[in-house]
């Protein structure tokens, strides 16, 4: 499978999990119309807003993506790199909270 196809499957799995857990989310399918590094998914449930950057095991976070993962925290927004085994915080590879 190609990296693009792997990422599409992972994206679909993340979206299915968000729906299952009652999150509202958005995913912009054409990133060429977004600013560089803009996260793949924004999800909200209750008072939580989470930005997710979807990456396969082989995928790498660009400098711009890393900035979008790090900077929203100052505004109270969680941002995570989401890989094929879990969605992890930039500082610790831990499973996301289920609340």
N, C-alpha and C. Protein backbone atom coordinates (compact mmCIF):
# COMPACT_ATOMS: atom_id res chain seq x y z
N UNK A 1 0.83 -1.17 0.00
CA UNK A 1 0.00 0.00 0.00
C UNK A 1 0.88 1.24 0.00
N UNK A 2 0.45 2.30 -0.65
CA UNK A 2 1.23 3.53 -0.67
C UNK A 2 1.05 4.30 0.63
N UNK A 3 1.98 5.21 0.90
CA UNK A 3 1.88 6.03 2.11
C UNK A 3 0.58 6.82 2.11
N UNK A 4 0.21 7.37 0.97
CA UNK A 4 -1.03 8.15 0.85
C UNK A 4 -2.24 7.28 1.20
N UNK A 5 -2.26 6.07 0.66
CA UNK A 5 -3.37 5.15 0.93
C UNK A 5 -3.39 4.76 2.40
N UNK A 6 -2.21 4.50 2.99
CA UNK A 6 -2.12 4.18 4.42
C UNK A 6 -2.70 5.32 5.25
N UNK A 7 -2.33 6.55 4.89
CA UNK A 7 -2.81 7.71 5.65
C UNK A 7 -4.32 7.88 5.48
N UNK A 8 -4.85 7.59 4.31
CA UNK A 8 -6.30 7.67 4.10
C UNK A 8 -7.04 6.65 4.97
N UNK A 9 -6.50 5.44 5.06
CA UNK A 9 -7.12 4.42 5.91
C UNK A 9 -7.05 4.82 7.39
N UNK A 10 -5.91 5.36 7.80
CA UNK A 10 -5.76 5.82 9.18
C UNK A 10 -6.72 6.97 9.46
N UNK A 11 -6.84 7.90 8.52
CA UNK A 11 -7.76 9.02 8.65
C UNK A 11 -9.19 8.51 8.85
N UNK A 12 -9.60 7.54 8.04
CA UNK A 12 -10.94 6.97 8.15
C UNK A 12 -11.14 6.30 9.51
N UNK A 13 -10.12 5.62 10.02
CA UNK A 13 -10.22 4.98 11.33
C UNK A 13 -10.35 6.00 12.45
N UNK A 14 -9.59 7.08 12.36
CA UNK A 14 -9.67 8.15 13.37
C UNK A 14 -11.07 8.77 13.34
N UNK A 15 -11.57 9.05 12.16
CA UNK A 15 -12.91 9.64 12.05
C UNK A 15 -13.98 8.70 12.60
N UNK A 16 -13.85 7.41 12.33
CA UNK A 16 -14.81 6.44 12.87
C UNK A 16 -14.78 6.43 14.39
N UNK A 17 -13.58 6.49 14.96
CA UNK A 17 -13.44 6.51 16.42
C UNK A 17 -14.04 7.78 17.02
N UNK A 18 -13.82 8.91 16.36
CA UNK A 18 -14.40 10.17 16.84
C UNK A 18 -15.92 10.09 16.83
N UNK A 19 -16.49 9.58 15.75
CA UNK A 19 -17.95 9.44 15.68
C UNK A 19 -18.46 8.51 16.78
N UNK A 20 -17.78 7.38 16.97
CA UNK A 20 -18.17 6.41 17.98
C UNK A 20 -18.19 7.02 19.38
N UNK A 21 -17.23 7.91 19.64
CA UNK A 21 -17.11 8.52 20.97
C UNK A 21 -17.89 9.83 21.10
N UNK A 22 -18.65 10.20 20.07
CA UNK A 22 -19.53 11.37 20.16
C UNK A 22 -18.87 12.72 19.91
N UNK A 23 -17.74 12.73 19.22
CA UNK A 23 -17.06 13.99 18.90
C UNK A 23 -17.63 14.56 17.61
N UNK A 24 -17.67 15.89 17.52
CA UNK A 24 -17.91 16.58 16.25
C UNK A 24 -16.54 16.92 15.72
N UNK A 25 -16.34 16.79 14.41
CA UNK A 25 -15.01 17.03 13.86
C UNK A 25 -15.10 17.57 12.44
N UNK A 26 -14.00 18.12 12.00
CA UNK A 26 -13.88 18.54 10.61
C UNK A 26 -12.52 18.13 10.08
N UNK A 27 -12.51 17.79 8.80
CA UNK A 27 -11.28 17.42 8.11
C UNK A 27 -11.31 18.11 6.75
N UNK A 28 -10.29 18.91 6.45
CA UNK A 28 -10.21 19.58 5.15
C UNK A 28 -9.50 18.64 4.18
N UNK A 29 -10.21 18.20 3.17
CA UNK A 29 -9.69 17.18 2.26
C UNK A 29 -8.62 17.70 1.30
N UNK A 30 -8.61 19.01 1.04
CA UNK A 30 -7.62 19.58 0.12
C UNK A 30 -6.72 20.53 0.89
N UNK A 31 -5.62 20.01 1.42
CA UNK A 31 -4.73 20.82 2.26
C UNK A 31 -4.01 21.91 1.48
N UNK A 32 -4.05 21.85 0.18
CA UNK A 32 -3.38 22.89 -0.62
C UNK A 32 -4.03 24.25 -0.43
N UNK A 33 -5.24 24.27 0.10
CA UNK A 33 -5.94 25.53 0.33
C UNK A 33 -5.84 26.00 1.77
N UNK A 34 -5.04 25.33 2.56
CA UNK A 34 -4.82 25.69 3.96
C UNK A 34 -3.42 26.24 4.14
N UNK A 35 -3.19 26.89 5.27
CA UNK A 35 -1.84 27.36 5.57
C UNK A 35 -0.95 26.14 5.80
N UNK A 36 0.35 26.24 5.51
CA UNK A 36 1.25 25.09 5.70
C UNK A 36 1.21 24.58 7.14
N UNK A 37 1.09 23.27 7.27
CA UNK A 37 1.12 22.65 8.59
C UNK A 37 -0.22 22.54 9.29
N UNK A 38 -1.27 23.12 8.72
CA UNK A 38 -2.59 23.09 9.37
C UNK A 38 -2.96 21.64 9.70
N UNK A 39 -3.41 21.36 10.93
CA UNK A 39 -3.73 19.98 11.33
C UNK A 39 -4.79 19.33 10.45
N UNK A 40 -4.73 18.01 10.38
CA UNK A 40 -5.66 17.25 9.55
C UNK A 40 -7.09 17.29 10.07
N UNK A 41 -7.25 17.26 11.38
CA UNK A 41 -8.58 17.17 11.99
C UNK A 41 -8.67 18.13 13.17
N UNK A 42 -9.82 18.81 13.29
CA UNK A 42 -10.18 19.52 14.51
C UNK A 42 -11.42 18.84 15.04
N UNK A 43 -11.40 18.46 16.32
CA UNK A 43 -12.52 17.75 16.93
C UNK A 43 -12.93 18.46 18.22
N UNK A 44 -14.23 18.47 18.49
CA UNK A 44 -14.73 19.10 19.71
C UNK A 44 -15.79 18.21 20.34
N UNK A 45 -15.74 18.16 21.66
CA UNK A 45 -16.76 17.48 22.45
C UNK A 45 -16.80 18.15 23.80
N UNK A 46 -17.97 18.64 24.17
CA UNK A 46 -18.08 19.37 25.43
C UNK A 46 -17.19 20.60 25.40
N UNK A 47 -16.32 20.71 26.39
CA UNK A 47 -15.42 21.86 26.47
C UNK A 47 -14.04 21.58 25.89
N UNK A 48 -13.87 20.42 25.26
CA UNK A 48 -12.56 20.05 24.71
C UNK A 48 -12.50 20.28 23.21
N UNK A 49 -11.40 20.88 22.78
CA UNK A 49 -11.09 21.05 21.37
C UNK A 49 -9.72 20.43 21.14
N UNK A 50 -9.64 19.53 20.17
CA UNK A 50 -8.39 18.81 19.92
C UNK A 50 -8.03 18.93 18.44
N UNK A 51 -6.77 19.28 18.17
CA UNK A 51 -6.24 19.30 16.81
C UNK A 51 -5.40 18.05 16.62
N UNK A 52 -5.64 17.33 15.53
CA UNK A 52 -4.93 16.08 15.27
C UNK A 52 -4.17 16.15 13.95
N UNK A 53 -2.92 15.76 13.99
CA UNK A 53 -2.11 15.61 12.78
C UNK A 53 -1.95 14.11 12.54
N UNK A 54 -2.52 13.60 11.46
CA UNK A 54 -2.53 12.17 11.17
C UNK A 54 -1.23 11.78 10.46
N UNK A 55 -0.53 10.78 11.00
CA UNK A 55 0.70 10.30 10.39
C UNK A 55 0.76 8.77 10.47
N UNK A 56 1.22 8.16 9.40
CA UNK A 56 1.46 6.73 9.42
C UNK A 56 2.78 6.49 10.16
N UNK A 57 3.11 5.21 10.36
CA UNK A 57 4.37 4.88 11.03
C UNK A 57 5.56 5.46 10.27
N UNK A 58 5.46 5.53 8.95
CA UNK A 58 6.56 6.04 8.13
C UNK A 58 6.49 7.56 7.94
N UNK A 59 5.35 8.17 8.26
CA UNK A 59 5.17 9.60 8.05
C UNK A 59 6.00 10.42 9.03
N UNK A 60 6.38 11.59 8.59
CA UNK A 60 7.15 12.52 9.43
C UNK A 60 6.42 13.84 9.53
N UNK A 61 6.48 14.45 10.70
CA UNK A 61 5.87 15.75 10.93
C UNK A 61 6.81 16.82 10.39
N UNK A 62 6.27 17.72 9.56
CA UNK A 62 7.07 18.82 9.02
C UNK A 62 7.27 19.88 10.10
N UNK A 63 8.17 20.81 9.85
CA UNK A 63 8.41 21.91 10.79
C UNK A 63 7.12 22.68 11.05
N UNK A 64 6.38 22.98 9.97
CA UNK A 64 5.13 23.72 10.11
C UNK A 64 4.09 22.93 10.91
N UNK A 65 4.01 21.63 10.66
CA UNK A 65 3.08 20.79 11.42
C UNK A 65 3.46 20.75 12.89
N UNK A 66 4.76 20.67 13.18
CA UNK A 66 5.22 20.66 14.57
C UNK A 66 4.83 21.95 15.28
N UNK A 67 4.91 23.06 14.57
CA UNK A 67 4.50 24.34 15.17
C UNK A 67 3.01 24.33 15.49
N UNK A 68 2.18 23.77 14.59
CA UNK A 68 0.75 23.69 14.84
C UNK A 68 0.42 22.69 15.94
N UNK A 69 1.27 21.74 16.20
CA UNK A 69 1.06 20.81 17.30
C UNK A 69 1.43 21.47 18.62
N UNK A 70 2.46 22.27 18.63
CA UNK A 70 2.97 22.88 19.87
C UNK A 70 2.22 24.15 20.29
N UNK A 71 1.88 25.04 19.38
CA UNK A 71 1.39 26.37 19.77
C UNK A 71 -0.04 26.47 20.27
N UNK A 72 -0.99 25.61 19.88
CA UNK A 72 -2.36 25.80 20.37
C UNK A 72 -2.53 25.63 21.87
N UNK A 73 -1.61 24.97 22.52
CA UNK A 73 -1.72 24.76 23.97
C UNK A 73 -1.84 26.05 24.75
N UNK A 74 -1.22 27.10 24.28
CA UNK A 74 -1.30 28.40 24.98
C UNK A 74 -2.74 28.92 25.02
N UNK A 75 -3.55 28.48 24.06
CA UNK A 75 -4.96 28.90 24.02
C UNK A 75 -5.89 27.86 24.61
N UNK A 76 -5.31 26.82 25.22
CA UNK A 76 -6.12 25.78 25.85
C UNK A 76 -6.60 24.70 24.90
N UNK A 77 -6.02 24.64 23.71
CA UNK A 77 -6.40 23.62 22.73
C UNK A 77 -5.39 22.48 22.78
N UNK A 78 -5.88 21.27 22.90
CA UNK A 78 -4.99 20.11 22.85
C UNK A 78 -4.60 19.87 21.40
N UNK A 79 -3.36 19.52 21.17
CA UNK A 79 -2.91 19.18 19.82
C UNK A 79 -2.05 17.92 19.92
N UNK A 80 -2.30 16.98 19.02
CA UNK A 80 -1.63 15.69 19.09
C UNK A 80 -1.24 15.21 17.71
N UNK A 81 -0.15 14.46 17.68
CA UNK A 81 0.20 13.70 16.49
C UNK A 81 -0.53 12.37 16.64
N UNK A 82 -1.24 11.98 15.63
CA UNK A 82 -2.04 10.77 15.69
C UNK A 82 -1.47 9.75 14.72
N UNK A 83 -0.94 8.65 15.26
CA UNK A 83 -0.30 7.65 14.43
C UNK A 83 -1.08 6.37 14.36
N UNK A 84 -0.47 5.36 13.76
CA UNK A 84 -1.18 4.11 13.52
C UNK A 84 -1.42 3.30 14.80
N UNK A 85 -0.71 3.61 15.87
CA UNK A 85 -0.93 2.86 17.11
C UNK A 85 -1.68 3.66 18.16
N UNK A 86 -1.59 4.98 18.13
CA UNK A 86 -2.31 5.81 19.10
C UNK A 86 -2.23 7.27 18.69
N UNK A 87 -3.05 8.06 19.33
CA UNK A 87 -2.92 9.51 19.21
C UNK A 87 -2.11 9.95 20.42
N UNK A 88 -0.97 10.55 20.17
CA UNK A 88 -0.05 10.87 21.25
C UNK A 88 0.12 12.37 21.41
N UNK A 89 0.38 12.78 22.63
CA UNK A 89 0.74 14.18 22.84
C UNK A 89 2.17 14.36 22.37
N UNK A 90 2.59 15.58 22.03
CA UNK A 90 3.97 15.76 21.59
C UNK A 90 5.00 15.36 22.63
N UNK A 91 4.66 15.46 23.91
CA UNK A 91 5.64 15.20 24.96
C UNK A 91 5.65 13.76 25.44
N UNK A 92 4.50 13.10 25.39
CA UNK A 92 4.43 11.72 25.91
C UNK A 92 3.54 10.88 25.02
N UNK A 93 4.01 9.73 24.65
CA UNK A 93 3.22 8.82 23.81
C UNK A 93 2.23 8.09 24.70
N UNK A 94 1.06 8.67 24.85
CA UNK A 94 0.04 8.10 25.72
C UNK A 94 -1.28 8.04 24.97
N UNK A 95 -2.16 7.13 25.35
CA UNK A 95 -3.47 7.06 24.74
C UNK A 95 -4.24 8.33 25.10
N UNK A 96 -5.07 8.82 24.16
CA UNK A 96 -5.87 10.02 24.46
C UNK A 96 -6.90 9.71 25.53
N UNK A 97 -7.26 10.74 26.27
CA UNK A 97 -8.30 10.57 27.28
C UNK A 97 -9.59 10.22 26.59
N UNK A 98 -10.41 9.44 27.23
CA UNK A 98 -11.68 9.01 26.62
C UNK A 98 -12.85 9.85 27.08
N UNK A 99 -12.63 10.89 27.88
CA UNK A 99 -13.76 11.69 28.35
C UNK A 99 -14.30 12.62 27.32
